[in-house]
Protein backbone atom coordinates (compact mmCIF):
# COMPACT_ATOMS: atom_id res chain seq x y z
CA MET A 1 15.96 -55.34 5.18
CA LYS A 2 14.14 -54.22 2.03
CA LYS A 3 11.09 -53.26 4.10
CA LEU A 4 13.26 -51.17 6.44
CA VAL A 5 14.87 -49.33 3.50
CA GLY A 6 11.44 -48.83 1.94
CA ILE A 7 10.03 -47.41 5.17
CA LEU A 8 13.02 -45.08 5.56
CA MET A 9 12.68 -43.88 1.95
CA LEU A 10 8.96 -43.25 2.45
CA GLY A 11 9.70 -41.27 5.64
CA PHE A 12 12.34 -39.22 3.83
CA LEU A 13 10.01 -38.40 0.96
CA LEU A 14 7.21 -37.39 3.33
CA SER A 15 9.51 -35.09 5.31
CA LEU A 16 10.75 -33.50 2.07
CA SER A 17 7.16 -32.98 0.97
CA ILE A 18 6.23 -31.34 4.26
CA SER A 19 9.17 -28.91 4.14
CA LEU A 20 8.35 -27.93 0.54
CA ASN A 21 4.72 -27.39 1.54
CA ALA A 22 5.81 -25.16 4.45
CA GLN A 23 7.86 -23.00 2.07
CA ALA A 24 4.88 -22.61 -0.25
CA VAL A 25 2.70 -21.57 2.68
CA GLU A 26 5.25 -18.94 3.74
CA LYS A 27 5.45 -17.51 0.22
CA THR A 28 1.66 -17.38 -0.04
CA GLU A 29 1.39 -15.81 3.40
CA HIS A 30 3.89 -13.10 2.40
CA ALA A 31 2.06 -12.39 -0.87
CA VAL A 32 -1.29 -12.10 0.91
CA LYS A 33 0.16 -9.78 3.55
CA LYS A 34 1.77 -7.57 0.88
CA SER A 35 -1.45 -7.42 -1.17
CA ALA A 36 -3.57 -6.62 1.88
CA LYS A 37 -1.25 -3.75 2.76
CA ALA A 38 -1.44 -2.36 -0.80
CA VAL A 39 -5.25 -2.60 -0.81
CA GLY A 40 -5.43 -0.90 2.58
CA ASN A 41 -3.19 1.96 1.42
CA LYS A 42 -5.22 2.47 -1.75
CA THR A 43 -8.48 2.44 0.22
CA ALA A 44 -7.11 5.03 2.64
CA GLU A 45 -5.93 7.21 -0.26
CA VAL A 46 -9.28 7.11 -2.06
CA ALA A 47 -11.24 7.73 1.15
CA SER A 48 -9.02 10.64 2.20
CA LYS A 49 -9.12 12.26 -1.24
CA GLY A 50 -12.90 11.80 -1.43
CA LYS A 51 -13.38 13.39 1.97
CA SER A 52 -11.07 16.26 1.01
CA ARG A 53 -13.00 16.93 -2.20
CA VAL A 54 -16.28 17.08 -0.30
CA THR A 55 -15.25 19.05 2.80
CA ASP A 56 -12.40 21.26 1.54
CA LYS A 57 -11.79 23.49 -1.43
CA VAL A 58 -9.56 22.47 -4.36
CA TYR A 59 -6.87 25.02 -5.26
CA LYS A 60 -7.18 24.97 -9.06
CA ASP A 61 -4.26 27.28 -9.95
CA LYS A 62 -1.57 25.49 -7.93
CA MET A 63 -0.21 21.95 -7.59
CA GLY A 64 1.98 20.04 -5.16
CA PRO A 65 5.68 19.22 -5.53
CA ASN A 66 5.00 16.29 -7.89
CA GLY A 67 1.79 17.53 -9.49
CA GLN A 68 -0.58 16.54 -6.67
CA THR A 69 -3.95 18.21 -6.19
CA ILE A 70 -3.86 20.90 -3.49
CA TYR A 71 -6.73 21.27 -1.01
CA ILE A 72 -7.50 24.19 1.30
CA ASP A 73 -8.95 23.29 4.71
CA ASP A 74 -11.18 25.38 7.02
CA HIS A 75 -8.13 27.06 8.59
CA SER A 76 -6.79 28.20 5.17
CA ARG A 77 -3.95 25.68 5.24
CA TYR A 78 -2.78 24.04 2.01
CA TYR A 79 -2.22 20.28 1.81
CA TRP A 80 -2.02 17.33 -0.56
CA VAL A 81 -2.80 13.65 0.05
CA ASP A 82 -0.15 10.93 -0.49
CA LYS A 83 -0.57 7.28 -1.59
CA LYS A 84 -1.16 6.15 1.99
CA GLY A 85 -3.93 8.71 2.63
CA HIS A 86 -1.81 11.05 4.78
CA ARG A 87 -2.08 14.81 4.51
CA HIS A 88 1.09 16.80 3.82
CA TYR A 89 0.77 20.49 4.62
CA GLU A 90 2.65 23.00 2.49
CA SER A 91 3.18 26.73 2.64
CA GLU A 92 1.67 28.78 -0.16
CA ALA A 93 5.14 29.84 -1.29
CA SER A 94 6.22 26.21 -1.86
CA LEU A 95 3.32 25.44 -4.23
CA LYS A 96 3.91 25.29 -7.98
CA THR A 97 1.76 27.06 -10.56
CA LYS A 98 -0.23 24.76 -12.84
CA VAL A 99 0.51 24.93 -16.55
CA GLN A 100 -2.78 25.14 -18.44
């Protein structure tokens, strides 16, 4: 009888250990996925801003809605780059004047 109880206790402890391990794996998996997304967004932002600085002109007297750098492309359109590397086009009238 004692052996049966001992075996059942051992089985219970092993199953508890496995479920706790699975939860830790899920948390780690979520953290890795979140970090990878953040790194990807930052990489896209830096690459897009770098390309814009090289290929397009920087509008030095104006800024975006939240102080972003404004670029002028080959078709004389004004845009700024967000944290995910996407371009947001603006009309010249909606741009703010930089305070020197």
